[in-house]
Protein backbone atom coordinates (compact mmCIF):
# COMPACT_ATOMS: atom_id res chain seq x y z
CA MET A 1 22.06 41.05 6.66
CA ARG A 2 21.69 41.98 2.99
CA MET A 3 22.79 38.43 2.11
CA PHE A 4 20.21 36.78 4.38
CA LYS A 5 17.35 38.99 2.69
CA HIS A 6 18.52 38.00 -0.69
CA PHE A 7 18.55 34.36 0.36
CA ALA A 8 15.13 34.58 2.00
CA LEU A 9 13.76 36.27 -1.24
CA VAL A 10 15.13 33.68 -3.56
CA ALA A 11 13.75 30.76 -1.23
CA LEU A 12 10.34 32.32 -1.18
CA LEU A 13 10.40 32.85 -4.94
CA ALA A 14 11.43 29.21 -5.42
CA MET A 15 8.55 28.06 -3.12
CA PHE A 16 5.96 29.98 -5.00
CA LEU A 17 7.18 29.01 -8.41
CA THR A 18 7.34 25.31 -7.71
CA GLY A 19 3.98 25.22 -5.92
CA ILE A 20 5.40 24.32 -2.37
CA GLY A 21 4.25 27.62 -1.05
CA GLY A 22 1.73 25.99 1.32
CA ALA A 23 2.11 28.81 3.69
CA LEU A 24 1.00 31.24 0.94
CA GLY A 25 -2.00 28.92 0.26
CA THR A 26 -0.84 28.30 -3.30
CA SER A 27 -0.85 24.48 -3.16
CA GLU A 28 -3.69 22.00 -2.34
CA ALA A 29 -3.07 18.65 -0.75
CA LYS A 30 -4.78 15.84 -2.53
CA ALA A 31 -5.88 13.00 -0.36
CA MET A 32 -4.80 9.52 -1.57
CA THR A 33 -7.41 6.92 -2.55
CA LEU A 34 -7.33 3.30 -3.11
CA GLY A 35 -7.72 4.06 -6.84
CA ASP A 36 -4.24 5.67 -6.74
CA LEU A 37 -2.60 2.33 -6.04
CA VAL A 38 -4.20 0.45 -8.98
CA GLY A 39 -1.56 -0.98 -11.13
CA ASN A 40 1.24 -0.83 -8.61
CA THR A 41 3.45 -3.95 -8.30
CA TYR A 42 4.96 -5.13 -4.99
CA ARG A 43 7.34 -7.68 -3.71
CA VAL A 44 6.52 -9.41 -0.44
CA THR A 45 9.43 -8.49 1.73
CA GLU A 46 8.39 -9.58 5.25
CA VAL A 47 6.17 -12.04 6.60
CA ASP A 48 5.28 -12.55 10.27
CA ALA A 49 2.18 -14.67 10.38
CA PRO A 50 1.69 -18.34 11.37
CA PHE A 51 -0.58 -19.50 8.70
CA ASP A 52 0.37 -22.16 6.26
CA TRP A 53 -0.51 -20.02 3.25
CA THR A 54 1.90 -17.38 4.37
CA ARG A 55 4.95 -19.73 4.47
CA HIS A 56 7.30 -19.08 1.61
CA MET A 57 5.47 -15.89 0.56
CA ARG A 58 8.63 -13.69 0.98
CA GLY A 59 9.82 -12.85 -2.51
CA SER A 60 6.42 -13.21 -4.35
CA VAL A 61 5.33 -10.52 -6.52
CA VAL A 62 1.92 -9.00 -6.26
CA ARG A 63 -0.29 -6.39 -7.91
CA PHE A 64 -2.88 -3.90 -6.69
CA GLU A 65 -5.84 -4.14 -9.07
CA GLN A 66 -9.45 -3.41 -9.55
CA ASP A 67 -11.66 -6.35 -10.75
CA ASN A 68 -14.50 -6.26 -13.18
CA ASP A 69 -16.94 -5.48 -10.31
CA GLY A 70 -14.88 -2.43 -9.40
CA ASP A 71 -13.65 -4.05 -6.20
CA TYR A 72 -10.02 -3.45 -5.06
CA ILE A 73 -7.85 -6.60 -4.75
CA ILE A 74 -4.32 -7.70 -4.47
CA THR A 75 -3.43 -10.66 -6.56
CA VAL A 76 -0.38 -12.83 -6.81
CA VAL A 77 1.61 -12.16 -10.23
CA LYS A 78 4.71 -14.32 -9.59
CA PRO A 79 4.55 -16.62 -6.47
CA SER A 80 7.77 -17.51 -4.79
CA SER A 81 9.14 -21.02 -4.81
CA GLY A 82 7.14 -23.24 -2.28
CA THR A 83 4.19 -21.15 -1.63
CA LEU A 84 0.71 -22.40 -2.00
CA PHE A 85 -0.32 -19.50 -4.23
CA ASP A 86 -0.46 -19.64 -8.08
CA ALA A 87 -0.38 -16.60 -10.35
CA GLY A 88 -3.79 -14.98 -10.35
CA ASP A 89 -4.85 -15.98 -6.94
CA LYS A 90 -6.26 -13.33 -4.60
CA LEU A 91 -4.25 -12.32 -1.55
CA VAL A 92 -6.39 -9.35 -0.37
CA MET A 93 -10.01 -8.72 -1.27
CA ASP A 94 -13.23 -7.14 0.07
CA MET A 95 -11.47 -3.78 0.80
CA TYR A 96 -13.52 -0.86 2.14
CA VAL A 97 -12.66 2.28 4.22
CA MET A 98 -14.32 2.92 7.53
CA ASP A 99 -13.31 5.67 10.02
CA GLY A 100 -10.09 6.24 7.79
CA ARG A 101 -8.92 2.81 7.98
CA VAL A 102 -8.68 0.31 5.11
CA ASN A 103 -10.44 -2.87 6.13
CA CYS A 104 -10.00 -6.06 3.97
CA THR A 105 -9.95 -9.86 3.92
CA TRP A 106 -6.55 -11.38 3.86
CA GLY A 107 -5.90 -15.04 2.92
CA TYR A 108 -5.85 -18.03 0.82
CA THR A 109 -9.07 -18.04 -1.04
CA SER A 110 -8.59 -21.36 -2.78
CA VAL A 111 -9.48 -23.13 0.44
CA ALA A 112 -11.43 -20.24 2.06
CA ASP A 113 -8.77 -19.75 4.76
CA THR A 114 -9.16 -15.95 5.25
CA ARG A 115 -8.69 -13.44 8.13
CA ASP A 116 -10.05 -10.05 8.72
CA ALA A 117 -7.29 -7.48 8.29
CA PHE A 118 -6.29 -3.94 7.86
CA LEU A 119 -4.23 -2.46 4.95
CA ASN A 120 -1.76 0.10 6.02
CA VAL A 121 -0.40 2.35 3.39
CA TYR A 122 2.88 4.21 3.96
CA ASN A 123 4.94 6.63 1.99
CA ASN A 124 2.34 7.43 -0.72
CA GLY A 125 1.83 3.67 -1.48
CA GLN A 126 5.61 2.70 -1.67
CA THR A 127 5.12 0.31 1.20
CA LEU A 128 1.77 -1.56 2.13
CA GLN A 129 1.31 -3.65 5.18
CA ILE A 130 -1.56 -6.26 5.61
CA GLN A 131 -2.06 -6.50 9.32
CA HIS A 132 -4.27 -9.13 11.05
CA ALA A 133 -7.37 -7.31 12.56
CA GLU A 134 -7.29 -9.21 15.87
CA HIS A 135 -3.48 -9.86 16.12
CA SER A 136 -1.37 -6.74 15.19
CA ASP A 137 1.81 -8.72 15.37
CA GLN A 138 0.70 -10.82 12.38
CA TYR A 139 1.50 -9.03 9.17
CA MET A 140 2.83 -9.04 5.56
CA THR A 141 4.84 -6.18 4.21
CA LEU A 142 4.80 -5.34 0.56
CA ARG A 143 7.36 -2.87 -1.10
CA LYS A 144 6.66 -1.26 -4.42
CA ILE A 145 8.89 -2.31 -7.40
């Protein structure tokens, strides 16, 4: 019993000192914002969408940025071989949050072939998924590199 009390006291002290003591009210949760993603670079790891412009996108490198107008965008940094995109092209734009969901436009802007979509953020921005707004089975997955 004495060993258990000692262990419990050490664990409680460690939680308090590291700021993990949520039960004690010592830490505050900080909500993630789109601004927290600015500068992150991602690789397209999965594509399940029937559009010509999504063909050969797997392996492309993209970056989450903020343009001169303050709008959040995802641009192509290094296109994969065979894709229609060039470096600097926008892949995602017109982002806004409504009812806790990130809405956006996803597409190939050079020929105005775009779709309404949602940007799903997972694991504190380690994984992003761009999902067609009307067809949830059409998506593109990006993993932070």
